[in-house]
Protein backbone atom coordinates (compact mmCIF):
# COMPACT_ATOMS: atom_id res chain seq x y z
CA MET A 1 143.15 -118.14 160.55
CA SER A 2 147.05 -117.59 159.45
CA ALA A 3 147.54 -119.92 156.26
CA SER A 4 150.54 -121.83 156.88
CA LEU A 5 153.19 -122.03 153.97
CA HIS A 6 154.65 -125.53 153.62
CA LEU A 7 158.17 -125.55 151.58
CA PRO A 8 159.72 -128.97 151.34
CA TRP A 9 162.82 -128.00 150.07
CA MET A 10 163.28 -126.46 153.57
CA GLU A 11 162.85 -129.08 156.18
CA ILE A 12 165.42 -130.43 157.45
CA THR A 13 164.87 -134.31 158.48
CA PRO A 14 165.49 -135.50 161.66
CA THR A 15 167.98 -138.47 160.00
CA ALA A 16 169.42 -135.83 157.87
CA VAL A 17 170.51 -134.15 161.03
CA HIS A 18 171.09 -137.68 163.15
CA ASP A 19 173.81 -138.05 159.84
CA LYS A 20 175.50 -134.88 160.03
CA ALA A 21 176.17 -135.54 163.82
CA ARG A 22 177.35 -138.87 163.64
CA GLN A 23 179.76 -137.77 160.31
CA HIS A 24 181.01 -134.99 163.16
CA ALA A 25 181.32 -137.41 165.71
CA ASN A 26 183.44 -139.78 163.09
CA GLU A 27 185.69 -136.85 161.99
CA GLU A 28 186.31 -136.11 165.92
CA ALA A 29 187.52 -139.80 165.99
CA LEU A 30 189.39 -139.52 163.35
CA ALA A 31 191.44 -136.47 164.51
CA ALA A 32 191.80 -137.55 168.23
CA LEU A 33 193.23 -140.91 166.39
CA VAL A 34 196.16 -138.98 164.72
CA GLU A 35 196.65 -136.72 167.16
CA GLN A 36 196.91 -139.94 170.17
CA TYR A 37 198.76 -143.04 167.39
CA ALA A 38 200.59 -141.01 164.79
CA PRO A 39 203.84 -140.80 166.97
CA THR A 40 203.44 -144.50 167.30
CA LEU A 41 202.64 -145.33 164.02
CA TYR A 42 205.69 -142.90 162.49
CA ARG A 43 208.21 -145.05 164.89
CA VAL A 44 206.77 -148.52 163.64
CA ALA A 45 207.51 -146.90 159.91
CA PHE A 46 210.52 -145.47 160.77
CA SER A 47 211.58 -148.70 162.11
CA VAL A 48 211.55 -150.46 158.92
CA LEU A 49 211.95 -148.13 156.18
CA ARG A 50 214.85 -145.73 157.82
CA ASN A 51 213.66 -142.68 156.30
CA ALA A 52 211.74 -139.90 157.35
CA ALA A 53 210.09 -139.02 154.78
CA ASP A 54 208.95 -142.40 153.61
CA ALA A 55 207.89 -143.22 157.22
CA GLU A 56 205.76 -139.70 157.15
CA ASP A 57 204.42 -140.84 153.84
CA ALA A 58 203.47 -144.61 155.27
CA VAL A 59 201.58 -143.60 158.25
CA GLN A 60 199.63 -140.75 156.15
CA GLU A 61 198.73 -143.61 153.79
CA ALA A 62 197.63 -145.53 156.94
CA PHE A 63 195.47 -142.46 157.99
CA LEU A 64 193.76 -142.61 154.50
CA ARG A 65 193.04 -145.58 154.43
CA VAL A 66 191.38 -145.26 157.89
CA LEU A 67 189.23 -142.31 156.26
CA ARG A 68 188.25 -144.45 153.90
CA HIS A 69 187.08 -147.24 156.31
CA ARG A 70 185.72 -144.35 159.10
CA ASP A 71 182.26 -146.20 159.26
CA SER A 72 183.88 -149.42 161.11
CA LEU A 73 185.62 -147.55 163.58
CA GLU A 74 183.27 -147.69 166.24
CA GLU A 75 183.91 -151.74 165.40
CA ILE A 76 187.28 -151.96 165.78
CA ARG A 77 188.43 -152.95 169.72
CA ASP A 78 191.99 -152.19 169.84
CA HIS A 79 192.83 -149.10 167.47
CA ARG A 80 196.26 -149.42 168.21
CA VAL A 81 196.98 -152.64 166.94
CA TRP A 82 194.78 -151.98 163.90
CA LEU A 83 196.66 -149.23 162.91
CA ILE A 84 200.10 -150.58 164.04
CA ARG A 85 198.91 -153.87 161.70
CA ILE A 86 197.38 -150.86 159.04
CA VAL A 87 200.95 -149.24 158.90
CA TRP A 88 202.92 -152.25 159.09
CA ASN A 89 200.88 -154.05 155.99
CA ILE A 90 202.04 -150.52 154.30
CA VAL A 91 205.42 -150.34 154.89
CA LEU A 92 205.90 -154.10 154.23
CA ASP A 93 204.70 -153.51 150.91
CA ARG A 94 206.56 -150.77 150.35
CA LYS A 95 209.72 -152.58 151.07
CA ARG A 96 208.53 -155.05 148.51
CA ARG A 97 207.90 -152.99 145.98
CA ALA A 98 211.31 -151.44 146.48
CA LYS A 99 213.66 -154.69 146.71
CA THR A 100 215.73 -152.26 148.91
CA ARG A 101 216.06 -150.49 151.97
CA PRO A 102 217.94 -147.43 152.60
CA GLU A 103 220.05 -147.20 155.30
CA THR A 104 220.99 -143.97 156.59
CA ASP A 105 223.83 -142.75 159.68
CA ASP A 106 222.83 -139.65 159.41
CA VAL A 107 222.58 -138.54 163.37
CA SER A 108 219.62 -135.82 162.61
CA GLU A 109 217.64 -138.88 161.34
CA LEU A 110 218.17 -140.75 164.05
CA ALA A 111 217.93 -137.97 166.59
CA ARG A 112 214.31 -137.90 165.76
CA VAL A 113 213.37 -141.08 167.58
CA LEU A 114 216.28 -140.49 170.05
CA PRO A 115 215.10 -139.31 173.68
CA ALA A 116 216.80 -135.94 173.73
CA SER A 117 217.18 -135.82 177.90
CA GLY A 118 219.55 -133.49 178.76
CA LEU A 119 222.64 -135.09 177.33
CA SER A 120 225.98 -133.30 177.17
CA ALA A 121 227.02 -133.30 173.01
CA GLU A 122 229.16 -135.93 173.88
CA GLU A 123 226.61 -138.11 175.63
CA SER A 124 224.43 -137.42 172.67
CA ALA A 125 226.71 -138.55 170.06
CA ALA A 126 227.64 -141.65 172.09
CA ALA A 127 224.45 -142.68 172.63
CA ALA A 128 223.02 -142.08 168.65
CA GLN A 129 226.17 -143.99 167.43
CA HIS A 130 225.29 -146.88 169.77
CA HIS A 131 221.28 -146.42 168.70
CA THR A 132 222.83 -146.95 164.99
CA ARG A 133 225.08 -149.55 166.34
CA VAL A 134 221.98 -151.53 167.93
CA LEU A 135 219.63 -150.77 164.65
CA GLY A 136 222.49 -152.16 162.89
CA LEU A 137 222.08 -155.56 164.27
CA VAL A 138 218.64 -155.71 164.73
CA ASP A 139 218.90 -155.41 160.83
CA THR A 140 220.99 -158.43 160.40
CA LEU A 141 218.48 -160.73 162.15
CA PRO A 142 216.69 -162.97 160.28
CA ALA A 143 213.52 -161.22 159.35
CA LYS A 144 210.52 -162.93 161.69
CA GLU A 145 212.90 -162.12 164.38
CA ARG A 146 213.21 -159.07 163.72
CA GLU A 147 209.74 -158.13 163.34
CA VAL A 148 209.02 -159.51 166.77
CA LEU A 149 211.60 -157.80 168.21
CA VAL A 150 210.94 -154.09 166.64
CA LEU A 151 207.47 -154.94 167.79
CA SER A 152 207.89 -155.72 170.98
CA ALA A 153 211.41 -153.34 171.86
CA PHE A 154 210.62 -150.53 169.99
CA GLU A 155 206.83 -150.20 170.20
CA GLU A 156 206.11 -152.27 173.37
CA LEU A 157 203.60 -154.59 171.88
CA SER A 158 202.44 -157.33 174.28
CA SER A 159 203.10 -160.87 172.61
CA VAL A 160 199.28 -160.59 171.65
CA GLU A 161 198.80 -157.47 169.88
CA ILE A 162 202.27 -158.88 168.11
CA ALA A 163 200.38 -161.94 166.82
CA SER A 164 197.44 -159.74 165.52
CA VAL A 165 199.57 -157.42 163.86
CA LEU A 166 201.88 -160.24 162.28
CA GLY A 167 198.80 -162.83 161.67
CA ILE A 168 200.85 -165.55 163.68
CA THR A 169 199.81 -167.12 167.16
CA GLU A 170 200.95 -165.86 170.33
CA SER A 171 203.35 -169.05 170.92
CA SER A 172 205.62 -168.11 167.25
CA VAL A 173 205.60 -164.68 168.82
CA ARG A 174 207.54 -165.63 172.30
CA SER A 175 209.82 -167.91 170.50
CA ARG A 176 210.56 -166.04 167.77
CA LEU A 177 211.37 -163.29 170.42
CA PHE A 178 213.44 -165.50 172.73
CA ARG A 179 215.53 -166.21 169.56
CA ALA A 180 215.36 -162.59 168.64
CA ARG A 181 217.18 -161.82 172.15
CA ASN A 182 219.93 -164.24 172.28
CA LEU A 183 220.97 -163.17 168.94
CA MET A 184 221.12 -159.41 169.40
CA ALA A 185 223.16 -160.65 173.37
CA GLU A 186 225.47 -162.43 171.33
CA LEU A 187 226.13 -159.96 168.69
CA LEU A 188 226.29 -157.18 171.22
CA GLU A 189 228.77 -159.00 172.78
CA ARG A 190 231.08 -159.49 169.84
CA PRO A 191 233.48 -157.32 169.56
CA ARG A 192 233.21 -154.87 166.33
CA SER A 193 236.26 -156.16 164.45
CA LEU A 194 235.28 -159.53 164.77
CA ARG A 195 232.01 -158.45 162.64
C-alpha cells in the first residue's frame, strides 16, 4: 500500500476557487462598465464642469467608488442611471467646493464633445460657435431647469431616469424640463446684442 501524503497547506478548498472565480467575474463586469459608460459619464461631468481634466478626474473618482462597492454590482438594476447619479453627485460636490465654474471658449475643448462628421473648417467653426452659444445660454438657466435639461438633452435620459438621478418626482422633472425648453427657445430667439 502506498502511503498518502496529506499536506493541508497545499489544499485548495472549493470556496477559495469559487471566491477567485467570483472576484474575476466582478473585475470583468467592472471593466465592461468602464468601457461602456466612460464616454457618457465624461459628457455628464464635462457638461457641468466645462473642463476636460476635471471631467476626467470626476469619471475616475466615480469608477473608484464603484470599485469600492463592486460586491453590490449584481444588485443594481440600471447601471447607467446608477453611474450617472454617482458622477452627478461628484461634480456637484466639486462645484460646491470650488464655488466657481471655469468657463472656456476654447474650441479644442468643445471639439471633444462635438461630432466631427465631415464638416468643412468653416462649418466646423460655425458649429463650435453655435455650440458655445447654446452652452452659454444653458448656463443662464436657473439651476433646477439647467440640471434636467442637461440630463435630458445632452445625456438623453428619460424623465424616470432623471428623477432617479436628481432624487425628485417624475412630474417635477417634466415641469422643469418644460420651463427649461421654453426659456431656451426665448433665449435662442433673442438677437445677441440684446443679451
